Amino acid sequence: MSAKGTVLKRVKQSIKANTRNKNYKSAVKTIIKKVLTENKKDEATKKANEAFSKIDKVASKGIINKRKAANQKSKISKHLDNLK
């Protein structure tokens, strides 16, 4: 069967969405790494607030599951509690 019309459109749309989603996921991973590598509590808290915001935004768009978002936020909070 040959690819015509709407099939080609769906392929283009899925590639575009895949690229967009990959960008969001990468940004979330990067900001989480920044928080987890920070050793100063006040700096880590500032970065954590940015990370929470970014994670919530990505989860609300449906790019990551809400449970995964909760796990990531929990991981960050745990790191903040262990800092002095």
PDB file of N, CA and C in Angstrom:
ATOM      1  N   MET A   1       0.845  -1.169   0.000  1.00  0.00           N
ATOM      2  CA  MET A   1       0.000   0.000   0.000  1.00  0.00           C
ATOM      3  C   MET A   1       0.897   1.242   0.000  1.00  0.00           C
ATOM      4  N   SER A   2       0.557   2.200  -0.810  1.00  0.00           N
ATOM      5  CA  SER A   2       1.374   3.406  -0.902  1.00  0.00           C
ATOM      6  C   SER A   2       0.892   4.456   0.092  1.00  0.00           C
ATOM      7  N   ALA A   3       1.832   5.322   0.470  1.00  0.00           N
ATOM      8  CA  ALA A   3       1.495   6.400   1.401  1.00  0.00           C
ATOM      9  C   ALA A   3       1.020   7.608   0.612  1.00  0.00           C
ATOM     10  N   LYS A   4      -0.205   8.026   0.880  1.00  0.00           N
ATOM     11  CA  LYS A   4      -0.765   9.176   0.180  1.00  0.00           C
ATOM     12  C   LYS A   4      -1.522  10.059   1.155  1.00  0.00           C
ATOM     13  N   GLY A   5      -1.713  11.282   0.768  1.00  0.00           N
ATOM     14  CA  GLY A   5      -2.622  12.192   1.440  1.00  0.00           C
ATOM     15  C   GLY A   5      -2.497  12.277   2.943  1.00  0.00           C
ATOM     16  N   THR A   6      -3.528  11.799   3.619  1.00  0.00           N
ATOM     17  CA  THR A   6      -3.603  11.958   5.073  1.00  0.00           C
ATOM     18  C   THR A   6      -2.529  11.150   5.798  1.00  0.00           C
ATOM     19  N   VAL A   7      -2.094  10.054   5.204  1.00  0.00           N
ATOM     20  CA  VAL A   7      -1.034   9.247   5.823  1.00  0.00           C
ATOM     21  C   VAL A   7       0.249  10.062   5.906  1.00  0.00           C
ATOM     22  N   LEU A   8       0.593  10.728   4.835  1.00  0.00           N
ATOM     23  CA  LEU A   8       1.792  11.562   4.825  1.00  0.00           C
ATOM     24  C   LEU A   8       1.663  12.720   5.809  1.00  0.00           C
ATOM     25  N   LYS A   9       0.454  13.284   5.886  1.00  0.00           N
ATOM     26  CA  LYS A   9       0.227  14.382   6.821  1.00  0.00           C
ATOM     27  C   LYS A   9       0.426  13.906   8.255  1.00  0.00           C
ATOM     28  N   ARG A  10      -0.109  12.732   8.584  1.00  0.00           N
ATOM     29  CA  ARG A  10       0.051  12.191   9.938  1.00  0.00           C
ATOM     30  C   ARG A  10       1.522  11.924  10.263  1.00  0.00           C
ATOM     31  N   VAL A  11       2.264  11.442   9.294  1.00  0.00           N
ATOM     32  CA  VAL A  11       3.692  11.195   9.502  1.00  0.00           C
ATOM     33  C   VAL A  11       4.405  12.512   9.816  1.00  0.00           C
ATOM     34  N   LYS A  12       4.103  13.545   9.040  1.00  0.00           N
ATOM     35  CA  LYS A  12       4.712  14.859   9.281  1.00  0.00           C
ATOM     36  C   LYS A  12       4.335  15.400  10.658  1.00  0.00           C
ATOM     37  N   GLN A  13       3.060  15.237  11.028  1.00  0.00           N
ATOM     38  CA  GLN A  13       2.594  15.726  12.326  1.00  0.00           C
ATOM     39  C   GLN A  13       3.263  14.987  13.475  1.00  0.00           C
ATOM     40  N   SER A  14       3.409  13.678  13.321  1.00  0.00           N
ATOM     41  CA  SER A  14       4.009  12.894  14.400  1.00  0.00           C
ATOM     42  C   SER A  14       5.490  13.208  14.561  1.00  0.00           C
ATOM     43  N   ILE A  15       6.181  13.459  13.468  1.00  0.00           N
ATOM     44  CA  ILE A  15       7.598  13.843  13.536  1.00  0.00           C
ATOM     45  C   ILE A  15       7.742  15.186  14.253  1.00  0.00           C
ATOM     46  N   LYS A  16       6.872  16.115  13.911  1.00  0.00           N
ATOM     47  CA  LYS A  16       6.894  17.442  14.526  1.00  0.00           C
ATOM     48  C   LYS A  16       6.616  17.344  16.029  1.00  0.00           C
ATOM     49  N   ALA A  17       5.599  16.564  16.396  1.00  0.00           N
ATOM     50  CA  ALA A  17       5.241  16.400  17.810  1.00  0.00           C
ATOM     51  C   ALA A  17       6.352  15.688  18.572  1.00  0.00           C
ATOM     52  N   ASN A  18       6.944  14.677  17.936  1.00  0.00           N
ATOM     53  CA  ASN A  18       8.023  13.922  18.558  1.00  0.00           C
ATOM     54  C   ASN A  18       9.206  14.837  18.873  1.00  0.00           C
ATOM     55  N   THR A  19       9.538  15.705  17.942  1.00  0.00           N
ATOM     56  CA  THR A  19      10.637  16.649  18.133  1.00  0.00           C
ATOM     57  C   THR A  19      10.331  17.609  19.278  1.00  0.00           C
ATOM     58  N   ARG A  20       9.116  18.118  19.306  1.00  0.00           N
ATOM     59  CA  ARG A  20       8.707  19.052  20.354  1.00  0.00           C
ATOM     60  C   ARG A  20       8.756  18.376  21.721  1.00  0.00           C
ATOM     61  N   ASN A  21       8.218  17.166  21.800  1.00  0.00           N
ATOM     62  CA  ASN A  21       8.199  16.438  23.073  1.00  0.00           C
ATOM     63  C   ASN A  21       9.607  16.120  23.554  1.00  0.00           C
ATOM     64  N   LYS A  22      10.478  15.762  22.622  1.00  0.00           N
ATOM     65  CA  LYS A  22      11.862  15.445  22.971  1.00  0.00           C
ATOM     66  C   LYS A  22      12.549  16.672  23.560  1.00  0.00           C
ATOM     67  N   ASN A  23      12.255  17.831  23.011  1.00  0.00           N
ATOM     68  CA  ASN A  23      12.825  19.079  23.494  1.00  0.00           C
ATOM     69  C   ASN A  23      12.385  19.347  24.941  1.00  0.00           C
ATOM     70  N   TYR A  24      11.089  19.182  25.215  1.00  0.00           N
ATOM     71  CA  TYR A  24      10.571  19.392  26.573  1.00  0.00           C
ATOM     72  C   TYR A  24      11.197  18.411  27.561  1.00  0.00           C
ATOM     73  N   LYS A  25      11.259  17.129  27.178  1.00  0.00           N
ATOM     74  CA  LYS A  25      11.822  16.112  28.060  1.00  0.00           C
ATOM     75  C   LYS A  25      13.291  16.392  28.361  1.00  0.00           C
ATOM     76  N   SER A  26      14.022  16.815  27.353  1.00  0.00           N
ATOM     77  CA  SER A  26      15.432  17.139  27.527  1.00  0.00           C
ATOM     78  C   SER A  26      15.602  18.317  28.481  1.00  0.00           C
ATOM     79  N   ALA A  27      14.765  19.322  28.338  1.00  0.00           N
ATOM     80  CA  ALA A  27      14.839  20.500  29.216  1.00  0.00           C
ATOM     81  C   ALA A  27      14.562  20.114  30.664  1.00  0.00           C
ATOM     82  N   VAL A  28      13.603  19.227  30.869  1.00  0.00           N
ATOM     83  CA  VAL A  28      13.279  18.779  32.228  1.00  0.00           C
ATOM     84  C   VAL A  28      14.455  18.010  32.825  1.00  0.00           C
ATOM     85  N   LYS A  29      15.034  17.094  32.052  1.00  0.00           N
ATOM     86  CA  LYS A  29      16.179  16.323  32.541  1.00  0.00           C
ATOM     87  C   LYS A  29      17.340  17.231  32.906  1.00  0.00           C
ATOM     88  N   THR A  30      17.597  18.237  32.072  1.00  0.00           N
ATOM     89  CA  THR A  30      18.701  19.161  32.316  1.00  0.00           C
ATOM     90  C   THR A  30      18.498  19.943  33.595  1.00  0.00           C
ATOM     91  N   ILE A  31      17.304  20.473  33.802  1.00  0.00           N
ATOM     92  CA  ILE A  31      17.057  21.286  34.987  1.00  0.00           C
ATOM     93  C   ILE A  31      17.085  20.424  36.253  1.00  0.00           C
ATOM     94  N   ILE A  32      16.653  19.170  36.153  1.00  0.00           N
ATOM     95  CA  ILE A  32      16.727  18.269  37.309  1.00  0.00           C
ATOM     96  C   ILE A  32      18.187  17.997  37.668  1.00  0.00           C
ATOM     97  N   LYS A  33      19.020  17.773  36.662  1.00  0.00           N
ATOM     98  CA  LYS A  33      20.446  17.549  36.920  1.00  0.00           C
ATOM     99  C   LYS A  33      21.082  18.754  37.589  1.00  0.00           C
ATOM    100  N   LYS A  34      20.692  19.948  37.148  1.00  0.00           N
ATOM    101  CA  LYS A  34      21.238  21.167  37.749  1.00  0.00           C
ATOM    102  C   LYS A  34      20.888  21.256  39.224  1.00  0.00           C
ATOM    103  N   VAL A  35      19.662  20.894  39.569  1.00  0.00           N
ATOM    104  CA  VAL A  35      19.242  20.945  40.976  1.00  0.00           C
ATOM    105  C   VAL A  35      19.997  19.895  41.783  1.00  0.00           C
ATOM    106  N   LEU A  36      20.076  18.684  41.257  1.00  0.00           N
ATOM    107  CA  LEU A  36      20.682  17.587  42.012  1.00  0.00           C
ATOM    108  C   LEU A  36      22.193  17.722  42.178  1.00  0.00           C
ATOM    109  N   THR A  37      22.843  18.494  41.316  1.00  0.00           N
ATOM    110  CA  THR A  37      24.281  18.691  41.456  1.00  0.00           C
ATOM    111  C   THR A  37      24.615  19.909  42.311  1.00  0.00           C
ATOM    112  N   GLU A  38      23.613  20.708  42.639  1.00  0.00           N
ATOM    113  CA  GLU A  38      23.826  21.912  43.457  1.00  0.00           C
ATOM    114  C   GLU A  38      24.006  21.502  44.916  1.00  0.00           C
ATOM    115  N   ASN A  39      25.041  22.078  45.580  1.00  0.00           N
ATOM    116  CA  ASN A  39      25.324  21.720  46.966  1.00  0.00           C
ATOM    117  C   ASN A  39      24.931  22.804  47.964  1.00  0.00           C
ATOM    118  N   LYS A  40      24.660  24.003  47.484  1.00  0.00           N
ATOM    119  CA  LYS A  40      24.241  25.089  48.371  1.00  0.00           C
ATOM    120  C   LYS A  40      22.723  25.104  48.436  1.00  0.00           C
ATOM    121  N   LYS A  41      22.199  25.134  49.660  1.00  0.00           N
ATOM    122  CA  LYS A  41      20.754  24.998  49.847  1.00  0.00           C
ATOM    123  C   LYS A  41      19.958  26.130  49.204  1.00  0.00           C
ATOM    124  N   ASP A  42      20.430  27.377  49.364  1.00  0.00           N
ATOM    125  CA  ASP A  42      19.649  28.492  48.819  1.00  0.00           C
ATOM    126  C   ASP A  42      19.622  28.481  47.288  1.00  0.00           C
ATOM    127  N   GLU A  43      20.765  28.158  46.681  1.00  0.00           N
ATOM    128  CA  GLU A  43      20.810  28.063  45.206  1.00  0.00           C
ATOM    129  C   GLU A  43      19.958  26.885  44.718  1.00  0.00           C
ATOM    130  N   ALA A  44      20.057  25.783  45.429  1.00  0.00           N
ATOM    131  CA  ALA A  44      19.292  24.595  45.048  1.00  0.00           C
ATOM    132  C   ALA A  44      17.791  24.860  45.160  1.00  0.00           C
ATOM    133  N   THR A  45      17.392  25.641  46.162  1.00  0.00           N
ATOM    134  CA  THR A  45      15.973  25.956  46.344  1.00  0.00           C
ATOM    135  C   THR A  45      15.446  26.788  45.178  1.00  0.00           C
ATOM    136  N   LYS A  46      16.240  27.760  44.737  1.00  0.00           N
ATOM    137  CA  LYS A  46      15.833  28.588  43.591  1.00  0.00           C
ATOM    138  C   LYS A  46      15.676  27.732  42.340  1.00  0.00           C
ATOM    139  N   LYS A  47      16.673  26.869  42.118  1.00  0.00           N
ATOM    140  CA  LYS A  47      16.618  26.013  40.936  1.00  0.00           C
ATOM    141  C   LYS A  47      15.485  24.992  41.040  1.00  0.00           C
ATOM    142  N   ALA A  48      15.208  24.564  42.265  1.00  0.00           N
ATOM    143  CA  ALA A  48      14.130  23.587  42.468  1.00  0.00           C
ATOM    144  C   ALA A  48      12.777  24.200  42.108  1.00  0.00           C
ATOM    145  N   ASN A  49      12.579  25.464  42.469  1.00  0.00           N
ATOM    146  CA  ASN A  49      11.318  26.127  42.122  1.00  0.00           C
ATOM    147  C   ASN A  49      11.142  26.201  40.613  1.00  0.00           C
ATOM    148  N   GLU A  50      12.225  26.495  39.900  1.00  0.00           N
ATOM    149  CA  GLU A  50      12.164  26.513  38.432  1.00  0.00           C
ATOM    150  C   GLU A  50      11.854  25.116  37.902  1.00  0.00           C
ATOM    151  N   ALA A  51      12.505  24.109  38.509  1.00  0.00           N
ATOM    152  CA  ALA A  51      12.305  22.731  38.064  1.00  0.00           C
ATOM    153  C   ALA A  51      10.868  22.285  38.295  1.00  0.00           C
ATOM    154  N   PHE A  52      10.306  22.626  39.466  1.00  0.00           N
ATOM    155  CA  PHE A  52       8.924  22.245  39.752  1.00  0.00           C
ATOM    156  C   PHE A  52       7.975  22.859  38.725  1.00  0.00           C
ATOM    157  N   SER A  53       8.228  24.105  38.398  1.00  0.00           N
ATOM    158  CA  SER A  53       7.393  24.794  37.424  1.00  0.00           C
ATOM    159  C   SER A  53       7.471  24.111  36.056  1.00  0.00           C
ATOM    160  N   LYS A  54       8.693  23.814  35.633  1.00  0.00           N
ATOM    161  CA  LYS A  54       8.902  23.178  34.332  1.00  0.00           C
ATOM    162  C   LYS A  54       8.274  21.780  34.304  1.00  0.00           C
ATOM    163  N   ILE A  55       8.441  21.020  35.382  1.00  0.00           N
ATOM    164  CA  ILE A  55       7.878  19.669  35.446  1.00  0.00           C
ATOM    165  C   ILE A  55       6.355  19.723  35.385  1.00  0.00           C
ATOM    166  N   ASP A  56       5.758  20.651  36.142  1.00  0.00           N
ATOM    167  CA  ASP A  56       4.296  20.780  36.130  1.00  0.00           C
ATOM    168  C   ASP A  56       3.782  21.159  34.749  1.00  0.00           C
ATOM    169  N   LYS A  57       4.498  22.055  34.089  1.00  0.00           N
ATOM    170  CA  LYS A  57       4.087  22.506  32.753  1.00  0.00           C
ATOM    171  C   LYS A  57       4.114  21.342  31.761  1.00  0.00           C
ATOM    172  N   VAL A  58       5.184  20.564  31.805  1.00  0.00           N
ATOM    173  CA  VAL A  58       5.326  19.434  30.884  1.00  0.00           C
ATOM    174  C   VAL A  58       4.279  18.359  31.189  1.00  0.00           C
ATOM    175  N   ALA A  59       4.013  18.127  32.468  1.00  0.00           N
ATOM    176  CA  ALA A  59       3.011  17.121  32.848  1.00  0.00           C
ATOM    177  C   ALA A  59       1.617  17.567  32.432  1.00  0.00           C
ATOM    178  N   SER A  60       1.333  18.866  32.549  1.00  0.00           N
ATOM    179  CA  SER A  60       0.002  19.350  32.180  1.00  0.00           C
ATOM    180  C   SER A  60      -0.233  19.252  30.673  1.00  0.00           C
ATOM    181  N   LYS A  61       0.836  19.322  29.896  1.00  0.00           N
ATOM    182  CA  LYS A  61       0.707  19.171  28.444  1.00  0.00           C
ATOM    183  C   LYS A  61       0.584  17.708  28.040  1.00  0.00           C
ATOM    184  N   GLY A  62       0.799  16.794  28.997  1.00  0.00           N
ATOM    185  CA  GLY A  62       0.665  15.367  28.713  1.00  0.00           C
ATOM    186  C   GLY A  62       1.910  14.754  28.103  1.00  0.00           C
ATOM    187  N   ILE A  63       3.027  15.457  28.182  1.00  0.00           N
ATOM    188  CA  ILE A  63       4.264  14.951  27.593  1.00  0.00           C
ATOM    189  C   ILE A  63       4.874  13.884  28.496  1.00  0.00           C
ATOM    190  N   ILE A  64       4.791  14.100  29.818  1.00  0.00           N
ATOM    191  CA  ILE A  64       5.167  13.055  30.761  1.00  0.00           C
ATOM    192  C   ILE A  64       3.950  12.761  31.634  1.00  0.00           C
ATOM    193  N   ASN A  65       3.913  11.554  32.171  1.00  0.00           N
ATOM    194  CA  ASN A  65       2.810  11.136  33.020  1.00  0.00           C
ATOM    195  C   ASN A  65       2.840  11.898  34.341  1.00  0.00           C
ATOM    196  N   LYS A  66       1.679  12.141  34.918  1.00  0.00           N
ATOM    197  CA  LYS A  66       1.614  12.918  36.171  1.00  0.00           C
ATOM    198  C   LYS A  66       2.305  12.184  37.312  1.00  0.00           C
ATOM    199  N   ARG A  67       2.325  10.865  37.272  1.00  0.00           N
ATOM    200  CA  ARG A  67       3.010  10.101  38.326  1.00  0.00           C
ATOM    201  C   ARG A  67       4.522  10.246  38.194  1.00  0.00           C
ATOM    202  N   LYS A  68       5.003  10.255  36.979  1.00  0.00           N
ATOM    203  CA  LYS A  68       6.438  10.465  36.761  1.00  0.00           C
ATOM    204  C   LYS A  68       6.829  11.856  37.230  1.00  0.00           C
ATOM    205  N   ALA A  69       5.983  12.834  36.962  1.00  0.00           N
ATOM    206  CA  ALA A  69       6.241  14.206  37.409  1.00  0.00           C
ATOM    207  C   ALA A  69       6.316  14.246  38.931  1.00  0.00           C
ATOM    208  N   ALA A  70       5.406  13.549  39.592  1.00  0.00           N
ATOM    209  CA  ALA A  70       5.404  13.507  41.057  1.00  0.00           C
ATOM    210  C   ALA A  70       6.674  12.844  41.579  1.00  0.00           C
ATOM    211  N   ASN A  71       7.115  11.783  40.917  1.00  0.00           N
ATOM    212  CA  ASN A  71       8.345  11.098  41.331  1.00  0.00           C
ATOM    213  C   ASN A  71       9.562  12.007  41.178  1.00  0.00           C
ATOM    214  N   GLN A  72       9.613  12.762  40.086  1.00  0.00           N
ATOM    215  CA  GLN A  72      10.736  13.667  39.860  1.00  0.00           C
ATOM    216  C   GLN A  72      10.751  14.775  40.897  1.00  0.00           C
ATOM    217  N   LYS A  73       9.584  15.332  41.209  1.00  0.00           N
ATOM    218  CA  LYS A  73       9.492  16.394  42.207  1.00  0.00           C
ATOM    219  C   LYS A  73       9.876  15.859  43.589  1.00  0.00           C
ATOM    220  N   SER A  74       9.495  14.627  43.865  1.00  0.00           N
ATOM    221  CA  SER A  74       9.837  13.998  45.135  1.00  0.00           C
ATOM    222  C   SER A  74      11.348  13.807  45.260  1.00  0.00           C
ATOM    223  N   LYS A  75      11.960  13.415  44.174  1.00  0.00           N
ATOM    224  CA  LYS A  75      13.412  13.220  44.144  1.00  0.00           C
ATOM    225  C   LYS A  75      14.138  14.531  44.453  1.00  0.00           C
ATOM    226  N   ILE A  76      13.654  15.619  43.863  1.00  0.00           N
ATOM    227  CA  ILE A  76      14.249  16.934  44.095  1.00  0.00           C
ATOM    228  C   ILE A  76      14.047  17.359  45.543  1.00  0.00           C
ATOM    229  N   SER A  77      12.846  17.160  46.069  1.00  0.00           N
ATOM    230  CA  SER A  77      12.549  17.534  47.451  1.00  0.00           C
ATOM    231  C   SER A  77      13.420  16.758  48.431  1.00  0.00           C
ATOM    232  N   LYS A  78      13.612  15.494  48.145  1.00  0.00           N
ATOM    233  CA  LYS A  78      14.459  14.649  48.982  1.00  0.00           C
ATOM    234  C   LYS A  78      15.890  15.185  49.005  1.00  0.00           C
ATOM    235  N   HIS A  79      16.374  15.601  47.839  1.00  0.00           N
ATOM    236  CA  HIS A  79      17.713  16.174  47.741  1.00  0.00           C
ATOM    237  C   HIS A  79      17.809  17.475  48.559  1.00  0.00           C
ATOM    238  N   LEU A  80      16.785  18.310  48.475  1.00  0.00           N
ATOM    239  CA  LEU A  80      16.782  19.573  49.236  1.00  0.00           C
ATOM    240  C   LEU A  80      16.779  19.316  50.739  1.00  0.00           C
ATOM    241  N   ASP A  81      16.044  18.293  51.181  1.00  0.00           N
ATOM    242  CA  ASP A  81      15.998  17.978  52.606  1.00  0.00           C
ATOM    243  C   ASP A  81      17.356  17.501  53.127  1.00  0.00           C
ATOM    244  N   ASN A  82      18.128  16.855  52.268  1.00  0.00           N
ATOM    245  CA  ASN A  82      19.440  16.335  52.691  1.00  0.00           C
ATOM    246  C   ASN A  82      20.530  17.403  52.693  1.00  0.00           C
ATOM    247  N   LEU A  83      20.263  18.546  52.079  1.00  0.00           N
ATOM    248  CA  LEU A  83      21.264  19.632  52.062  1.00  0.00           C
ATOM    249  C   LEU A  83      21.259  20.358  53.396  1.00  0.00           C
ATOM    250  N   LYS A  84      22.427  20.944  53.709  1.00  0.00           N
ATOM    251  CA  LYS A  84      22.523  21.697  54.959  1.00  0.00           C
ATOM    252  C   LYS A  84      22.622  23.179  54.679  1.00  0.00           C
TER     253      LYS A  84
END
